[in-house]
C-alpha cells in the first residue's frame, strides 16, 4: 500500500523517451540546513 515508508532498496521511477528508468534508493534521511548549504 501507499502507507509504507520509502526505504533503502525502493526505486524512483521516471518515464523517459527511450523507456522507463529507475533509480535505486541507497538511503533515506531528513534534509537538514547543513545539507541545504
ModelCIF file with pLDDT and N, C-alpha, C, O atoms, coordinates in Angstrom:
data_MODEL
#
_entry.id   MODEL 
#
_entity.id                         1 
_entity.type                       polymer 
_entity.pdbx_number_of_molecules   1 
#
_entity_poly.entity_id                      1 
_entity_poly.type                           'polypeptide(L)' 
_entity_poly.nstd_linkage                   no 
_entity_poly.nstd_monomer                   no 
_entity_poly.pdbx_seq_one_letter_code       
;(UNK)(UNK)(UNK)(UNK)(UNK)(UNK)(UNK)(UNK)(UNK)(UNK)(UNK)(UNK)(UNK)(UNK)(UNK)(UNK)
(UNK)(UNK)(UNK)(UNK)(UNK)(UNK)(UNK)(UNK)(UNK)(UNK)(UNK)(UNK)(UNK)(UNK)(UNK)(UNK)
(UNK)(UNK)(UNK)(UNK)(UNK)
;
_entity_poly.pdbx_seq_one_letter_code_can   XXXXXXXXXXXXXXXXXXXXXXXXXXXXXXXXXXXXX 
_entity_poly.pdbx_strand_id                 A 
#
loop_
_entity_poly_seq.entity_id 
_entity_poly_seq.num 
_entity_poly_seq.mon_id 
_entity_poly_seq.hetero 
1 1  UNK n 
1 2  UNK n 
1 3  UNK n 
1 4  UNK n 
1 5  UNK n 
1 6  UNK n 
1 7  UNK n 
1 8  UNK n 
1 9  UNK n 
1 10 UNK n 
1 11 UNK n 
1 12 UNK n 
1 13 UNK n 
1 14 UNK n 
1 15 UNK n 
1 16 UNK n 
1 17 UNK n 
1 18 UNK n 
1 19 UNK n 
1 20 UNK n 
1 21 UNK n 
1 22 UNK n 
1 23 UNK n 
1 24 UNK n 
1 25 UNK n 
1 26 UNK n 
1 27 UNK n 
1 28 UNK n 
1 29 UNK n 
1 30 UNK n 
1 31 UNK n 
1 32 UNK n 
1 33 UNK n 
1 34 UNK n 
1 35 UNK n 
1 36 UNK n 
1 37 UNK n 
#
_struct_asym.id          A 
_struct_asym.entity_id   1 
#
loop_
_ma_qa_metric.id 
_ma_qa_metric.mode 
_ma_qa_metric.name 
_ma_qa_metric.software_group_id 
_ma_qa_metric.type 
1 global pLDDT . pLDDT 
2 local  pLDDT . pLDDT 
#
_ma_qa_metric_global.metric_id      1 
_ma_qa_metric_global.metric_value   87.41 
_ma_qa_metric_global.model_id       1 
_ma_qa_metric_global.ordinal_id     1 
#
loop_
_ma_qa_metric_local.label_asym_id 
_ma_qa_metric_local.label_comp_id 
_ma_qa_metric_local.label_seq_id 
_ma_qa_metric_local.metric_id 
_ma_qa_metric_local.metric_value 
_ma_qa_metric_local.model_id 
_ma_qa_metric_local.ordinal_id 
A UNK 1  2 76.00 1 1  
A UNK 2  2 74.00 1 2  
A UNK 3  2 82.00 1 3  
A UNK 4  2 87.00 1 4  
A UNK 5  2 92.00 1 5  
A UNK 6  2 93.00 1 6  
A UNK 7  2 93.00 1 7  
A UNK 8  2 94.00 1 8  
A UNK 9  2 94.00 1 9  
A UNK 10 2 94.00 1 10 
A UNK 11 2 93.00 1 11 
A UNK 12 2 91.00 1 12 
A UNK 13 2 90.00 1 13 
A UNK 14 2 86.00 1 14 
A UNK 15 2 78.00 1 15 
A UNK 16 2 72.00 1 16 
A UNK 17 2 70.00 1 17 
A UNK 18 2 68.00 1 18 
A UNK 19 2 63.00 1 19 
A UNK 20 2 68.00 1 20 
A UNK 21 2 82.00 1 21 
A UNK 22 2 89.00 1 22 
A UNK 23 2 92.00 1 23 
A UNK 24 2 94.00 1 24 
A UNK 25 2 96.00 1 25 
A UNK 26 2 96.00 1 26 
A UNK 27 2 96.00 1 27 
A UNK 28 2 96.00 1 28 
A UNK 29 2 95.00 1 29 
A UNK 30 2 95.00 1 30 
A UNK 31 2 94.00 1 31 
A UNK 32 2 92.00 1 32 
A UNK 33 2 92.00 1 33 
A UNK 34 2 92.00 1 34 
A UNK 35 2 91.00 1 35 
A UNK 36 2 92.00 1 36 
A UNK 37 2 92.00 1 37 
#
loop_
_atom_site.group_PDB 
_atom_site.id 
_atom_site.type_symbol 
_atom_site.label_atom_id 
_atom_site.label_alt_id 
_atom_site.label_comp_id 
_atom_site.label_asym_id 
_atom_site.label_entity_id 
_atom_site.label_seq_id 
_atom_site.pdbx_PDB_ins_code 
_atom_site.Cartn_x 
_atom_site.Cartn_y 
_atom_site.Cartn_z 
_atom_site.occupancy 
_atom_site.B_iso_or_equiv 
_atom_site.pdbx_formal_charge 
_atom_site.auth_seq_id 
_atom_site.auth_comp_id 
_atom_site.auth_asym_id 
_atom_site.auth_atom_id 
_atom_site.pdbx_PDB_model_num 
ATOM 1   N N  . UNK A 1 1  ? 0.807  -1.212 0.000   1.00 76.00 ? 1  UNK A N  1 
ATOM 2   C CA . UNK A 1 1  ? 0.000  0.000  0.000   1.00 76.00 ? 1  UNK A CA 1 
ATOM 3   C C  . UNK A 1 1  ? 0.841  1.263  0.000   1.00 76.00 ? 1  UNK A C  1 
ATOM 4   O O  . UNK A 1 1  ? 2.071  1.222  -0.018  1.00 76.00 ? 1  UNK A O  1 
ATOM 5   N N  . UNK A 1 2  ? 0.132  2.395  0.021   1.00 74.00 ? 2  UNK A N  1 
ATOM 6   C CA . UNK A 1 2  ? 0.810  3.688  -0.043  1.00 74.00 ? 2  UNK A CA 1 
ATOM 7   C C  . UNK A 1 2  ? 1.168  4.251  1.330   1.00 74.00 ? 2  UNK A C  1 
ATOM 8   O O  . UNK A 1 2  ? 1.717  5.349  1.418   1.00 74.00 ? 2  UNK A O  1 
ATOM 9   N N  . UNK A 1 3  ? 0.868  3.522  2.397   1.00 82.00 ? 3  UNK A N  1 
ATOM 10  C CA . UNK A 1 3  ? 1.218  3.982  3.739   1.00 82.00 ? 3  UNK A CA 1 
ATOM 11  C C  . UNK A 1 3  ? 2.583  3.487  4.199   1.00 82.00 ? 3  UNK A C  1 
ATOM 12  O O  . UNK A 1 3  ? 3.075  3.918  5.242   1.00 82.00 ? 3  UNK A O  1 
ATOM 13  N N  . UNK A 1 4  ? 3.198  2.591  3.441   1.00 87.00 ? 4  UNK A N  1 
ATOM 14  C CA . UNK A 1 4  ? 4.518  2.099  3.842   1.00 87.00 ? 4  UNK A CA 1 
ATOM 15  C C  . UNK A 1 4  ? 5.568  3.178  3.579   1.00 87.00 ? 4  UNK A C  1 
ATOM 16  O O  . UNK A 1 4  ? 5.401  4.025  2.702   1.00 87.00 ? 4  UNK A O  1 
ATOM 17  N N  . UNK A 1 5  ? 6.633  3.132  4.342   1.00 92.00 ? 5  UNK A N  1 
ATOM 18  C CA . UNK A 1 5  ? 7.705  4.115  4.211   1.00 92.00 ? 5  UNK A CA 1 
ATOM 19  C C  . UNK A 1 5  ? 8.578  3.799  2.994   1.00 92.00 ? 5  UNK A C  1 
ATOM 20  O O  . UNK A 1 5  ? 8.843  2.636  2.688   1.00 92.00 ? 5  UNK A O  1 
ATOM 21  N N  . UNK A 1 6  ? 9.019  4.860  2.307   1.00 93.00 ? 6  UNK A N  1 
ATOM 22  C CA . UNK A 1 6  ? 10.005 4.693  1.248   1.00 93.00 ? 6  UNK A CA 1 
ATOM 23  C C  . UNK A 1 6  ? 11.328 4.414  1.954   1.00 93.00 ? 6  UNK A C  1 
ATOM 24  O O  . UNK A 1 6  ? 11.714 5.151  2.861   1.00 93.00 ? 6  UNK A O  1 
ATOM 25  N N  . UNK A 1 7  ? 12.023 3.356  1.544   1.00 93.00 ? 7  UNK A N  1 
ATOM 26  C CA . UNK A 1 7  ? 13.246 2.977  2.254   1.00 93.00 ? 7  UNK A CA 1 
ATOM 27  C C  . UNK A 1 7  ? 14.302 2.425  1.299   1.00 93.00 ? 7  UNK A C  1 
ATOM 28  O O  . UNK A 1 7  ? 14.089 2.334  0.090   1.00 93.00 ? 7  UNK A O  1 
ATOM 29  N N  . UNK A 1 8  ? 15.427 2.067  1.869   1.00 94.00 ? 8  UNK A N  1 
ATOM 30  C CA . UNK A 1 8  ? 16.551 1.507  1.121   1.00 94.00 ? 8  UNK A CA 1 
ATOM 31  C C  . UNK A 1 8  ? 16.070 0.329  0.266   1.00 94.00 ? 8  UNK A C  1 
ATOM 32  O O  . UNK A 1 8  ? 15.352 -0.551 0.741   1.00 94.00 ? 8  UNK A O  1 
ATOM 33  N N  . UNK A 1 9  ? 16.484 0.333  -1.007  1.00 94.00 ? 9  UNK A N  1 
ATOM 34  C CA . UNK A 1 9  ? 16.104 -0.730 -1.925  1.00 94.00 ? 9  UNK A CA 1 
ATOM 35  C C  . UNK A 1 9  ? 14.887 -0.404 -2.769  1.00 94.00 ? 9  UNK A C  1 
ATOM 36  O O  . UNK A 1 9  ? 14.656 -1.061 -3.784  1.00 94.00 ? 9  UNK A O  1 
ATOM 37  N N  . UNK A 1 10 ? 14.097 0.600  -2.376  1.00 94.00 ? 10 UNK A N  1 
ATOM 38  C CA . UNK A 1 10 ? 12.964 1.036  -3.189  1.00 94.00 ? 10 UNK A CA 1 
ATOM 39  C C  . UNK A 1 10 ? 13.500 1.819  -4.391  1.00 94.00 ? 10 UNK A C  1 
ATOM 40  O O  . UNK A 1 10 ? 14.695 2.102  -4.473  1.00 94.00 ? 10 UNK A O  1 
ATOM 41  N N  . UNK A 1 11 ? 12.613 2.164  -5.312  1.00 93.00 ? 11 UNK A N  1 
ATOM 42  C CA . UNK A 1 11 ? 13.050 2.831  -6.546  1.00 93.00 ? 11 UNK A CA 1 
ATOM 43  C C  . UNK A 1 11 ? 12.251 4.093  -6.821  1.00 93.00 ? 11 UNK A C  1 
ATOM 44  O O  . UNK A 1 11 ? 11.073 4.199  -6.480  1.00 93.00 ? 11 UNK A O  1 
ATOM 45  N N  . UNK A 1 12 ? 12.928 5.043  -7.449  1.00 91.00 ? 12 UNK A N  1 
ATOM 46  C CA . UNK A 1 12 ? 12.281 6.223  -8.024  1.00 91.00 ? 12 UNK A CA 1 
ATOM 47  C C  . UNK A 1 12 ? 12.177 5.943  -9.509  1.00 91.00 ? 12 UNK A C  1 
ATOM 48  O O  . UNK A 1 12 ? 13.173 5.616  -10.153 1.00 91.00 ? 12 UNK A O  1 
ATOM 49  N N  . UNK A 1 13 ? 10.963 6.068  -10.063 1.00 90.00 ? 13 UNK A N  1 
ATOM 50  C CA . UNK A 1 13 ? 10.714 5.744  -11.462 1.00 90.00 ? 13 UNK A CA 1 
ATOM 51  C C  . UNK A 1 13 ? 10.511 7.017  -12.268 1.00 90.00 ? 13 UNK A C  1 
ATOM 52  O O  . UNK A 1 13 ? 9.848  7.953  -11.822 1.00 90.00 ? 13 UNK A O  1 
ATOM 53  N N  . UNK A 1 14 ? 11.091 7.036  -13.455 1.00 86.00 ? 14 UNK A N  1 
ATOM 54  C CA . UNK A 1 14 ? 10.880 8.144  -14.377 1.00 86.00 ? 14 UNK A CA 1 
ATOM 55  C C  . UNK A 1 14 ? 10.626 7.562  -15.761 1.00 86.00 ? 14 UNK A C  1 
ATOM 56  O O  . UNK A 1 14 ? 11.202 6.538  -16.129 1.00 86.00 ? 14 UNK A O  1 
ATOM 57  N N  . UNK A 1 15 ? 9.783  8.206  -16.504 1.00 78.00 ? 15 UNK A N  1 
ATOM 58  C CA . UNK A 1 15 ? 9.429  7.711  -17.816 1.00 78.00 ? 15 UNK A CA 1 
ATOM 59  C C  . UNK A 1 15 ? 10.168 8.529  -18.866 1.00 78.00 ? 15 UNK A C  1 
ATOM 60  O O  . UNK A 1 15 ? 9.803  9.675  -19.129 1.00 78.00 ? 15 UNK A O  1 
ATOM 61  N N  . UNK A 1 16 ? 11.207 7.951  -19.469 1.00 72.00 ? 16 UNK A N  1 
ATOM 62  C CA . UNK A 1 16 ? 11.987 8.617  -20.496 1.00 72.00 ? 16 UNK A CA 1 
ATOM 63  C C  . UNK A 1 16 ? 11.432 8.294  -21.876 1.00 72.00 ? 16 UNK A C  1 
ATOM 64  O O  . UNK A 1 16 ? 10.611 7.391  -22.031 1.00 72.00 ? 16 UNK A O  1 
ATOM 65  N N  . UNK A 1 17 ? 11.889 9.042  -22.877 1.00 70.00 ? 17 UNK A N  1 
ATOM 66  C CA . UNK A 1 17 ? 11.503 8.807  -24.263 1.00 70.00 ? 17 UNK A CA 1 
ATOM 67  C C  . UNK A 1 17 ? 11.935 7.408  -24.696 1.00 70.00 ? 17 UNK A C  1 
ATOM 68  O O  . UNK A 1 17 ? 11.217 6.732  -25.432 1.00 70.00 ? 17 UNK A O  1 
ATOM 69  N N  . UNK A 1 18 ? 13.103 6.979  -24.240 1.00 68.00 ? 18 UNK A N  1 
ATOM 70  C CA . UNK A 1 18 ? 13.626 5.668  -24.628 1.00 68.00 ? 18 UNK A CA 1 
ATOM 71  C C  . UNK A 1 18 ? 13.041 4.532  -23.796 1.00 68.00 ? 18 UNK A C  1 
ATOM 72  O O  . UNK A 1 18 ? 13.298 3.362  -24.081 1.00 68.00 ? 18 UNK A O  1 
ATOM 73  N N  . UNK A 1 19 ? 12.278 4.855  -22.795 1.00 63.00 ? 19 UNK A N  1 
ATOM 74  C CA . UNK A 1 19 ? 11.667 3.827  -21.961 1.00 63.00 ? 19 UNK A CA 1 
ATOM 75  C C  . UNK A 1 19 ? 11.757 4.184  -20.496 1.00 63.00 ? 19 UNK A C  1 
ATOM 76  O O  . UNK A 1 19 ? 12.360 5.197  -20.141 1.00 63.00 ? 19 UNK A O  1 
ATOM 77  N N  . UNK A 1 20 ? 11.172 3.374  -19.644 1.00 68.00 ? 20 UNK A N  1 
ATOM 78  C CA . UNK A 1 20 ? 11.203 3.666  -18.210 1.00 68.00 ? 20 UNK A CA 1 
ATOM 79  C C  . UNK A 1 20 ? 12.611 3.529  -17.640 1.00 68.00 ? 20 UNK A C  1 
ATOM 80  O O  . UNK A 1 20 ? 13.413 2.723  -18.109 1.00 68.00 ? 20 UNK A O  1 
ATOM 81  N N  . UNK A 1 21 ? 12.883 4.312  -16.646 1.00 82.00 ? 21 UNK A N  1 
ATOM 82  C CA . UNK A 1 21 ? 14.178 4.310  -15.987 1.00 82.00 ? 21 UNK A CA 1 
ATOM 83  C C  . UNK A 1 21 ? 13.917 4.311  -14.484 1.00 82.00 ? 21 UNK A C  1 
ATOM 84  O O  . UNK A 1 21 ? 13.018 5.008  -14.014 1.00 82.00 ? 21 UNK A O  1 
ATOM 85  N N  . UNK A 1 22 ? 14.679 3.549  -13.739 1.00 89.00 ? 22 UNK A N  1 
ATOM 86  C CA . UNK A 1 22 ? 14.509 3.554  -12.288 1.00 89.00 ? 22 UNK A CA 1 
ATOM 87  C C  . UNK A 1 22 ? 15.841 3.794  -11.606 1.00 89.00 ? 22 UNK A C  1 
ATOM 88  O O  . UNK A 1 22 ? 16.899 3.409  -12.104 1.00 89.00 ? 22 UNK A O  1 
ATOM 89  N N  . UNK A 1 23 ? 15.762 4.431  -10.472 1.00 92.00 ? 23 UNK A N  1 
ATOM 90  C CA . UNK A 1 23 ? 16.939 4.736  -9.662  1.00 92.00 ? 23 UNK A CA 1 
ATOM 91  C C  . UNK A 1 23 ? 16.729 4.092  -8.294  1.00 92.00 ? 23 UNK A C  1 
ATOM 92  O O  . UNK A 1 23 ? 15.730 4.358  -7.626  1.00 92.00 ? 23 UNK A O  1 
ATOM 93  N N  . UNK A 1 24 ? 17.651 3.263  -7.886  1.00 94.00 ? 24 UNK A N  1 
ATOM 94  C CA . UNK A 1 24 ? 17.516 2.535  -6.624  1.00 94.00 ? 24 UNK A CA 1 
ATOM 95  C C  . UNK A 1 24 ? 17.994 3.412  -5.464  1.00 94.00 ? 24 UNK A C  1 
ATOM 96  O O  . UNK A 1 24 ? 19.056 4.032  -5.526  1.00 94.00 ? 24 UNK A O  1 
ATOM 97  N N  . UNK A 1 25 ? 17.187 3.444  -4.414  1.00 96.00 ? 25 UNK A N  1 
ATOM 98  C CA . UNK A 1 25 ? 17.469 4.275  -3.243  1.00 96.00 ? 25 UNK A CA 1 
ATOM 99  C C  . UNK A 1 25 ? 18.443 3.547  -2.324  1.00 96.00 ? 25 UNK A C  1 
ATOM 100 O O  . UNK A 1 25 ? 18.213 2.405  -1.925  1.00 96.00 ? 25 UNK A O  1 
ATOM 101 N N  . UNK A 1 26 ? 19.540 4.236  -1.995  1.00 96.00 ? 26 UNK A N  1 
ATOM 102 C CA . UNK A 1 26 ? 20.537 3.690  -1.085  1.00 96.00 ? 26 UNK A CA 1 
ATOM 103 C C  . UNK A 1 26 ? 20.179 4.017  0.365   1.00 96.00 ? 26 UNK A C  1 
ATOM 104 O O  . UNK A 1 26 ? 20.362 3.189  1.258   1.00 96.00 ? 26 UNK A O  1 
ATOM 105 N N  . UNK A 1 27 ? 19.664 5.237  0.595   1.00 96.00 ? 27 UNK A N  1 
ATOM 106 C CA . UNK A 1 27 ? 19.296 5.630  1.959   1.00 96.00 ? 27 UNK A CA 1 
ATOM 107 C C  . UNK A 1 27 ? 18.280 6.769  1.914   1.00 96.00 ? 27 UNK A C  1 
ATOM 108 O O  . UNK A 1 27 ? 18.161 7.484  0.919   1.00 96.00 ? 27 UNK A O  1 
ATOM 109 N N  . UNK A 1 28 ? 17.554 6.917  3.019   1.00 96.00 ? 28 UNK A N  1 
ATOM 110 C CA . UNK A 1 28 ? 16.587 7.998  3.199   1.00 96.00 ? 28 UNK A CA 1 
ATOM 111 C C  . UNK A 1 28 ? 16.944 8.704  4.495   1.00 96.00 ? 28 UNK A C  1 
ATOM 112 O O  . UNK A 1 28 ? 17.119 8.060  5.529   1.00 96.00 ? 28 UNK A O  1 
ATOM 113 N N  . UNK A 1 29 ? 17.052 10.016 4.445   1.00 95.00 ? 29 UNK A N  1 
ATOM 114 C CA . UNK A 1 29 ? 17.362 10.805 5.632   1.00 95.00 ? 29 UNK A CA 1 
ATOM 115 C C  . UNK A 1 29 ? 16.592 12.112 5.574   1.00 95.00 ? 29 UNK A C  1 
ATOM 116 O O  . UNK A 1 29 ? 16.055 12.474 4.528   1.00 95.00 ? 29 UNK A O  1 
ATOM 117 N N  . UNK A 1 30 ? 16.537 12.816 6.687   1.00 95.00 ? 30 UNK A N  1 
ATOM 118 C CA . UNK A 1 30 ? 15.914 14.136 6.690   1.00 95.00 ? 30 UNK A CA 1 
ATOM 119 C C  . UNK A 1 30 ? 16.850 15.125 6.005   1.00 95.00 ? 30 UNK A C  1 
ATOM 120 O O  . UNK A 1 30 ? 18.070 15.043 6.150   1.00 95.00 ? 30 UNK A O  1 
ATOM 121 N N  . UNK A 1 31 ? 16.275 16.051 5.264   1.00 94.00 ? 31 UNK A N  1 
ATOM 122 C CA . UNK A 1 31 ? 17.055 17.127 4.651   1.00 94.00 ? 31 UNK A CA 1 
ATOM 123 C C  . UNK A 1 31 ? 17.266 18.200 5.709   1.00 94.00 ? 31 UNK A C  1 
ATOM 124 O O  . UNK A 1 31 ? 16.301 18.770 6.218   1.00 94.00 ? 31 UNK A O  1 
ATOM 125 N N  . UNK A 1 32 ? 18.511 18.476 6.039   1.00 92.00 ? 32 UNK A N  1 
ATOM 126 C CA . UNK A 1 32 ? 18.856 19.419 7.103   1.00 92.00 ? 32 UNK A CA 1 
ATOM 127 C C  . UNK A 1 32 ? 19.415 20.709 6.513   1.00 92.00 ? 32 UNK A C  1 
ATOM 128 O O  . UNK A 1 32 ? 19.789 20.732 5.341   1.00 92.00 ? 32 UNK A O  1 
ATOM 129 N N  . UNK A 1 33 ? 19.479 21.783 7.298   1.00 92.00 ? 33 UNK A N  1 
ATOM 130 C CA . UNK A 1 33 ? 20.094 23.014 6.807   1.00 92.00 ? 33 UNK A CA 1 
ATOM 131 C C  . UNK A 1 33 ? 21.552 22.814 6.372   1.00 92.00 ? 33 UNK A C  1 
ATOM 132 O O  . UNK A 1 33 ? 22.008 23.475 5.439   1.00 92.00 ? 33 UNK A O  1 
ATOM 133 N N  . UNK A 1 34 ? 22.281 21.923 7.029   1.00 92.00 ? 34 UNK A N  1 
ATOM 134 C CA . UNK A 1 34 ? 23.671 21.651 6.634   1.00 92.00 ? 34 UNK A CA 1 
ATOM 135 C C  . UNK A 1 34 ? 23.713 21.024 5.234   1.00 92.00 ? 34 UNK A C  1 
ATOM 136 O O  . UNK A 1 34 ? 24.583 21.357 4.429   1.00 92.00 ? 34 UNK A O  1 
ATOM 137 N N  . UNK A 1 35 ? 22.778 20.125 4.949   1.00 91.00 ? 35 UNK A N  1 
ATOM 138 C CA . UNK A 1 35 ? 22.709 19.527 3.611   1.00 91.00 ? 35 UNK A CA 1 
ATOM 139 C C  . UNK A 1 35 ? 22.281 20.565 2.574   1.00 91.00 ? 35 UNK A C  1 
ATOM 140 O O  . UNK A 1 35 ? 22.755 20.545 1.438   1.00 91.00 ? 35 UNK A O  1 
ATOM 141 N N  . UNK A 1 36 ? 21.374 21.481 2.971   1.00 92.00 ? 36 UNK A N  1 
ATOM 142 C CA . UNK A 1 36 ? 20.975 22.568 2.065   1.00 92.00 ? 36 UNK A CA 1 
ATOM 143 C C  . UNK A 1 36 ? 22.190 23.411 1.682   1.00 92.00 ? 36 UNK A C  1 
ATOM 144 O O  . UNK A 1 36 ? 22.382 23.745 0.512   1.00 92.00 ? 36 UNK A O  1 
ATOM 145 N N  . UNK A 1 37 ? 23.007 23.750 2.679   1.00 92.00 ? 37 UNK A N  1 
ATOM 146 C CA . UNK A 1 37 ? 24.195 24.563 2.433   1.00 92.00 ? 37 UNK A CA 1 
ATOM 147 C C  . UNK A 1 37 ? 25.163 23.825 1.511   1.00 92.00 ? 37 UNK A C  1 
ATOM 148 O O  . UNK A 1 37 ? 26.228 24.349 1.185   1.00 92.00 ? 37 UNK A O  1 
#
